[in-house]
Protein backbone atom coordinates (compact mmCIF):
# COMPACT_ATOMS: atom_id res chain seq x y z
CA UNK A 1 24.84 -23.37 16.38
CA UNK A 2 25.69 -20.55 18.96
CA UNK A 3 23.35 -22.32 21.10
CA UNK A 4 25.50 -25.79 20.38
CA UNK A 5 28.71 -23.79 21.24
CA UNK A 6 27.20 -22.17 24.47
CA UNK A 7 26.75 -25.84 25.52
CA UNK A 8 30.38 -26.46 24.73
CA UNK A 9 31.27 -23.84 26.93
CA UNK A 10 28.65 -24.59 29.68
CA UNK A 11 26.72 -21.37 29.51
CA UNK A 12 23.76 -22.75 27.43
CA UNK A 13 20.92 -21.58 30.01
CA UNK A 14 21.89 -17.87 30.29
CA UNK A 15 22.74 -18.08 26.51
CA UNK A 16 19.10 -18.81 25.26
CA UNK A 17 17.52 -17.84 28.79
CA UNK A 18 16.08 -21.11 28.83
CA UNK A 19 13.58 -20.55 25.19
CA UNK A 20 13.72 -23.02 22.12
CA UNK A 21 13.52 -21.16 19.01
CA UNK A 22 9.84 -21.03 18.61
CA UNK A 23 9.94 -19.24 22.02
CA UNK A 24 12.22 -16.57 21.19
CA UNK A 25 9.99 -15.67 18.04
CA UNK A 26 7.16 -15.42 20.31
CA UNK A 27 9.05 -13.71 22.86
CA UNK A 28 10.37 -10.83 19.98
CA UNK A 29 7.06 -10.53 18.86
CA UNK A 30 5.90 -9.86 22.31
CA UNK A 31 8.55 -7.00 22.36
CA UNK A 32 7.24 -5.79 19.22
CA UNK A 33 3.86 -5.31 20.50
CA UNK A 34 5.51 -3.35 23.26
CA UNK A 35 7.49 -1.07 20.99
CA UNK A 36 4.48 -0.52 18.64
CA UNK A 37 2.03 0.16 21.47
CA UNK A 38 4.54 3.20 22.59
CA UNK A 39 3.98 4.57 19.18
CA UNK A 40 0.40 4.13 19.39
CA UNK A 41 0.06 1.02 16.80
CA UNK A 42 -1.62 -2.23 18.31
CA UNK A 43 -0.85 -5.01 16.95
CA UNK A 44 -2.42 -8.47 16.86
CA UNK A 45 -1.99 -11.10 19.48
CA UNK A 46 0.24 -13.78 18.23
CA UNK A 47 -2.36 -16.62 17.68
CA UNK A 48 -4.17 -13.94 14.96
CA UNK A 49 -0.90 -13.16 13.22
CA UNK A 50 -0.08 -16.09 13.08
CA UNK A 51 -3.65 -17.10 11.49
CA UNK A 52 -3.73 -13.96 9.25
CA UNK A 53 -0.06 -14.76 8.01
CA UNK A 54 0.59 -10.90 8.08
CA UNK A 55 0.03 -7.05 9.44
CA UNK A 56 -0.64 -4.25 7.76
CA UNK A 57 0.24 -1.33 9.18
CA UNK A 58 -2.24 1.78 9.38
CA UNK A 59 -1.08 3.99 6.11
CA UNK A 60 -1.38 7.50 8.73
CA UNK A 61 1.51 5.97 11.39
CA UNK A 62 3.00 9.39 12.48
CA UNK A 63 6.81 7.60 11.63
CA UNK A 64 9.74 10.26 12.17
CA UNK A 65 10.59 12.95 9.57
CA UNK A 66 14.02 12.87 8.21
CA UNK A 67 16.04 16.03 9.69
CA UNK A 68 13.08 17.30 11.94
CA UNK A 69 15.22 17.78 14.97
CA UNK A 70 17.47 20.34 12.63
CA UNK A 71 15.09 22.17 11.11
CA UNK A 72 13.26 22.63 14.65
CA UNK A 73 16.67 23.80 15.97
CA UNK A 74 19.37 23.78 13.63
CA UNK A 75 22.34 24.98 16.77
CA UNK A 76 21.43 22.73 18.85
CA UNK A 77 21.10 19.40 16.18
CA UNK A 78 23.96 20.29 13.85
CA UNK A 79 24.63 17.65 11.07
CA UNK A 80 27.77 15.78 10.59
CA UNK A 81 29.18 18.39 7.96
CA UNK A 82 32.07 20.97 8.13
CA UNK A 83 28.90 23.81 8.41
CA UNK A 84 26.87 21.41 10.38
CA UNK A 85 23.99 21.81 7.59
CA UNK A 86 22.52 19.98 4.16
CA UNK A 87 25.31 20.78 1.95
CA UNK A 88 24.64 20.66 -1.66
CA UNK A 89 28.04 20.83 -2.88
CA UNK A 90 31.33 19.54 -0.99
CA UNK A 91 34.90 21.06 -1.30
CA UNK A 92 36.29 17.75 0.29
CA UNK A 93 34.87 15.57 -1.82
CA UNK A 94 35.94 18.46 -5.21
CA UNK A 95 39.61 18.54 -3.85
CA UNK A 96 39.86 15.01 -4.51
CA UNK A 97 39.46 15.67 -8.32
CA UNK A 98 38.02 12.24 -9.17
CA UNK A 99 36.70 12.49 -12.56
CA UNK A 100 34.08 10.07 -11.19
CA UNK A 101 32.91 11.98 -8.49
CA UNK A 102 32.68 15.79 -8.13
CA UNK A 103 31.57 18.08 -5.40
CA UNK A 104 27.74 18.35 -6.44
CA UNK A 105 25.32 15.45 -7.18
CA UNK A 106 25.98 15.23 -10.87
CA UNK A 107 24.36 12.76 -13.92
CA UNK A 108 27.08 10.82 -15.45
CA UNK A 109 26.47 8.28 -18.13
CA UNK A 110 26.94 4.45 -16.68
CA UNK A 111 28.98 2.10 -17.94
CA UNK A 112 26.11 0.26 -19.44
CA UNK A 113 22.57 1.20 -20.26
CA UNK A 114 19.80 1.13 -22.08
CA UNK A 115 20.50 4.69 -23.76
CA UNK A 116 23.36 3.59 -25.15
CA UNK A 117 22.45 -0.40 -25.85
CA UNK A 118 24.35 -2.08 -28.66
CA UNK A 119 24.82 -6.00 -29.00
CA UNK A 120 23.34 -6.45 -25.04
CA UNK A 121 19.65 -5.35 -25.50
CA UNK A 122 18.54 -6.16 -22.09
CA UNK A 123 18.98 -4.67 -18.56
CA UNK A 124 19.71 -6.90 -15.91
CA UNK A 125 18.42 -6.66 -12.28
CA UNK A 126 19.44 -9.10 -10.04
CA UNK A 127 17.33 -8.59 -6.54
CA UNK A 128 17.30 -10.61 -3.39
CA UNK A 129 15.25 -14.39 -3.83
CA UNK A 130 11.93 -14.77 -2.70
CA UNK A 131 12.40 -18.58 -1.55
CA UNK A 132 15.67 -18.04 0.30
CA UNK A 133 17.92 -15.43 2.65
CA UNK A 134 20.76 -14.86 0.11
CA UNK A 135 21.99 -17.70 -0.47
CA UNK A 136 20.86 -19.73 2.31
CA UNK A 137 18.90 -22.94 1.95
CA UNK A 138 19.04 -23.14 -2.01
CA UNK A 139 19.20 -26.77 -2.03
CA UNK A 140 15.77 -26.53 0.92
CA UNK A 141 12.36 -27.04 -0.58
CA UNK A 142 11.17 -23.38 -0.18
CA UNK A 143 14.01 -21.98 -2.46
CA UNK A 144 13.53 -25.19 -5.25
CA UNK A 145 9.75 -23.94 -5.72
CA UNK A 146 10.65 -20.88 -6.93
CA UNK A 147 13.04 -22.39 -9.52
CA UNK A 148 12.03 -23.61 -12.84
CA UNK A 149 13.84 -27.12 -14.22
CA UNK A 150 15.72 -26.58 -11.06
CA UNK A 151 17.29 -23.32 -12.24
CA UNK A 152 16.60 -19.53 -11.58
CA UNK A 153 13.84 -18.10 -13.06
CA UNK A 154 14.37 -14.92 -15.07
CA UNK A 155 11.63 -12.64 -15.17
CA UNK A 156 10.89 -11.28 -18.77
CA UNK A 157 8.64 -8.73 -20.29
CA UNK A 158 5.96 -11.25 -22.78
CA UNK A 159 7.10 -8.62 -25.20
CA UNK A 160 10.91 -9.28 -24.85
CA UNK A 161 10.12 -12.98 -24.89
CA UNK A 162 8.13 -12.66 -28.29
CA UNK A 163 10.59 -10.83 -29.37
CA UNK A 164 12.93 -13.51 -29.09
CA UNK A 165 10.78 -16.75 -29.46
CA UNK A 166 10.64 -17.49 -25.54
CA UNK A 167 7.77 -19.31 -23.99
CA UNK A 168 7.00 -19.75 -20.39
CA UNK A 169 8.78 -22.14 -18.34
CA UNK A 170 11.73 -22.76 -21.26
CA UNK A 171 15.34 -22.79 -20.53
CA UNK A 172 17.09 -19.99 -21.89
CA UNK A 173 20.74 -18.85 -21.81
CA UNK A 174 21.40 -15.36 -19.97
CA UNK A 175 25.08 -13.97 -21.18
CA UNK A 176 27.04 -10.81 -21.89
CA UNK A 177 31.27 -10.54 -22.55
CA UNK A 178 31.77 -11.25 -18.91
CA UNK A 179 29.88 -14.67 -18.61
CA UNK A 180 26.83 -16.48 -19.35
CA UNK A 181 24.49 -18.75 -17.09
CA UNK A 182 21.09 -20.89 -17.81
CA UNK A 183 17.73 -19.60 -16.06
CA UNK A 184 14.04 -20.63 -16.59
CA UNK A 185 11.89 -18.02 -18.00
CA UNK A 186 9.14 -16.88 -16.20
CA UNK A 187 6.70 -13.87 -18.20
CA UNK A 188 5.66 -11.02 -16.14
CA UNK A 189 3.87 -8.30 -17.64
CA UNK A 190 4.31 -6.11 -14.81
CA UNK A 191 8.40 -5.59 -15.73
CA UNK A 192 9.05 -2.37 -17.90
CA UNK A 193 9.78 -3.66 -21.31
CA UNK A 194 14.28 -4.17 -22.08
CA UNK A 195 14.32 -5.55 -17.92
CA UNK A 196 15.17 -8.89 -17.37
CA UNK A 197 14.82 -9.73 -13.24
CA UNK A 198 17.23 -13.13 -12.59
CA UNK A 199 17.54 -12.99 -8.73
CA UNK A 200 20.61 -13.94 -6.24
CA UNK A 201 21.36 -16.69 -4.07
CA UNK A 202 21.42 -19.46 -6.55
CA UNK A 203 24.73 -21.76 -5.91
CA UNK A 204 27.04 -21.44 -8.46
CA UNK A 205 27.25 -24.56 -10.61
CA UNK A 206 29.74 -24.35 -13.66
CA UNK A 207 29.98 -26.67 -16.34
CA UNK A 208 33.33 -27.34 -16.21
CA UNK A 209 35.09 -26.45 -13.02
CA UNK A 210 38.27 -24.61 -13.02
CA UNK A 211 37.27 -22.95 -16.42
CA UNK A 212 37.50 -19.22 -17.01
CA UNK A 213 33.91 -18.40 -18.73
CA UNK A 214 32.36 -21.99 -18.37
CA UNK A 215 28.67 -21.42 -18.58
CA UNK A 216 26.84 -21.66 -15.20
CA UNK A 217 24.08 -24.40 -15.08
CA UNK A 218 21.99 -22.94 -12.32
CA UNK A 219 21.01 -19.44 -13.24
CA UNK A 220 23.96 -17.38 -10.74
CA UNK A 221 23.95 -13.83 -11.70
CA UNK A 222 27.31 -12.77 -10.57
CA UNK A 223 29.11 -14.29 -13.86
CA UNK A 224 27.45 -11.48 -15.44
CA UNK A 225 27.41 -8.34 -13.22
CA UNK A 226 30.82 -5.96 -13.34
CA UNK A 227 32.90 -5.82 -10.75
CA UNK A 228 33.39 -2.12 -11.08
CA UNK A 229 32.74 0.20 -8.37
CA UNK A 230 30.44 3.27 -8.59
CA UNK A 231 33.24 5.67 -7.79
CA UNK A 232 36.79 5.97 -6.79
CA UNK A 233 35.35 7.53 -4.01
CA UNK A 234 32.47 4.98 -2.72
CA UNK A 235 33.87 1.82 -4.11
CA UNK A 236 30.27 0.41 -3.71
CA UNK A 237 28.82 -2.77 -6.18
CA UNK A 238 27.20 -1.65 -9.53
CA UNK A 239 25.73 -5.17 -9.86
CA UNK A 240 22.48 -3.47 -11.17
CA UNK A 241 24.60 -1.50 -14.08
CA UNK A 242 24.28 -4.36 -16.09
CA UNK A 243 23.05 -5.05 -20.08
CA UNK A 244 22.68 -8.70 -21.04
CA UNK A 245 21.05 -10.56 -23.88
CA UNK A 246 19.14 -13.93 -23.32
CA UNK A 247 18.83 -16.79 -25.95
CA UNK A 248 16.70 -20.44 -26.27
CA UNK A 249 19.44 -22.81 -24.97
CA UNK A 250 20.69 -25.19 -27.77
CA UNK A 251 21.19 -29.24 -26.97
CA UNK A 252 20.40 -31.43 -23.85
CA UNK A 253 19.66 -29.19 -20.21
CA UNK A 254 22.71 -30.20 -18.13
CA UNK A 255 21.73 -31.49 -14.75
CA UNK A 256 21.78 -28.87 -11.51
CA UNK A 257 25.30 -30.46 -9.68
CA UNK A 258 25.65 -27.39 -7.15
CA UNK A 259 23.63 -29.39 -4.25
CA UNK A 260 25.34 -32.32 -4.40
CA UNK A 261 27.91 -33.01 -1.46
CA UNK A 262 31.69 -33.06 -2.74
CA UNK A 263 33.92 -35.67 -2.38
CA UNK A 264 35.58 -36.25 0.79
CA UNK A 265 38.97 -37.03 1.38
CA UNK A 266 41.39 -38.49 3.90
CA UNK A 267 45.48 -38.33 4.02
CA UNK A 268 46.85 -41.43 3.91
CA UNK A 269 47.46 -43.08 7.70
CA UNK A 270 51.09 -43.13 8.78
CA UNK A 271 53.07 -45.56 6.94
CA UNK A 272 54.38 -48.41 8.90
CA UNK A 273 58.09 -49.13 9.40
CA UNK A 274 59.20 -50.77 6.46
CA UNK A 275 56.27 -50.50 4.40
CA UNK A 276 56.35 -49.05 0.77
CA UNK A 277 55.92 -45.43 0.82
CA UNK A 278 52.54 -43.98 -0.70
CA UNK A 279 52.99 -42.70 -4.07
CA UNK A 280 52.69 -38.91 -4.53
CA UNK A 281 48.97 -37.39 -5.23
CA UNK A 282 47.48 -40.70 -4.33
CA UNK A 283 44.97 -40.22 -1.29
CA UNK A 284 42.35 -42.34 -0.77
CA UNK A 285 38.27 -41.95 -1.10
CA UNK A 286 35.98 -42.26 1.49
């Protein structure tokens, strides 16, 4: 995309440095070889990397230690705190008087957690997907390879699945008071009982577009997670503070339509002198 823009601006050669995408991958790996060599780590040649598929770095790699400069010379390398030191208590934060953000590290009961689960007895995690970057190329073959019956796979411990009468590759409904979506069961004995995983990235596919609370047919966890911030101070996301339940989907499984292109419309051409005016709200389909 940026190369195409650079071509239109007449600076394509300067932008790409005469390299295509494949050449840039090799060049970046060449730079990685140089940087790792400076750290005492030898990376294999490009051909060996491609053949192996991955490189495992040595366990004894001498990585930088956090706060090592501060520990060696606190006066010369102070932190960006009022005292220049590691502070376990912040008078500034305490002065805000936020009920959910005291001046020191404190355990506060989450809004949703298994320790107080009632109707919804499964803790939902929504990690990054394995077959794409965030939601990019969700319609591509690599992304679809990880889906079950065209839907995001929800991973469950076999014990949780048995308690709900669910089986591998079955289409289920994941739901709570905020929303609901369809997903395909993938049993994972390594997952802790009481915890399910529904990766992010699948394009939102409402059964009834425009209707609040409608079923998402594709497995989009954002219909389940909360918009509550982490605190009055941080305002970070709390997507992993989420309880759900899972049950077998009853009835026909609706098709996924998120990847179908939208219907394109064009405005009516300017009316010719003397021609009847177009009807309001009517435009021809293309």
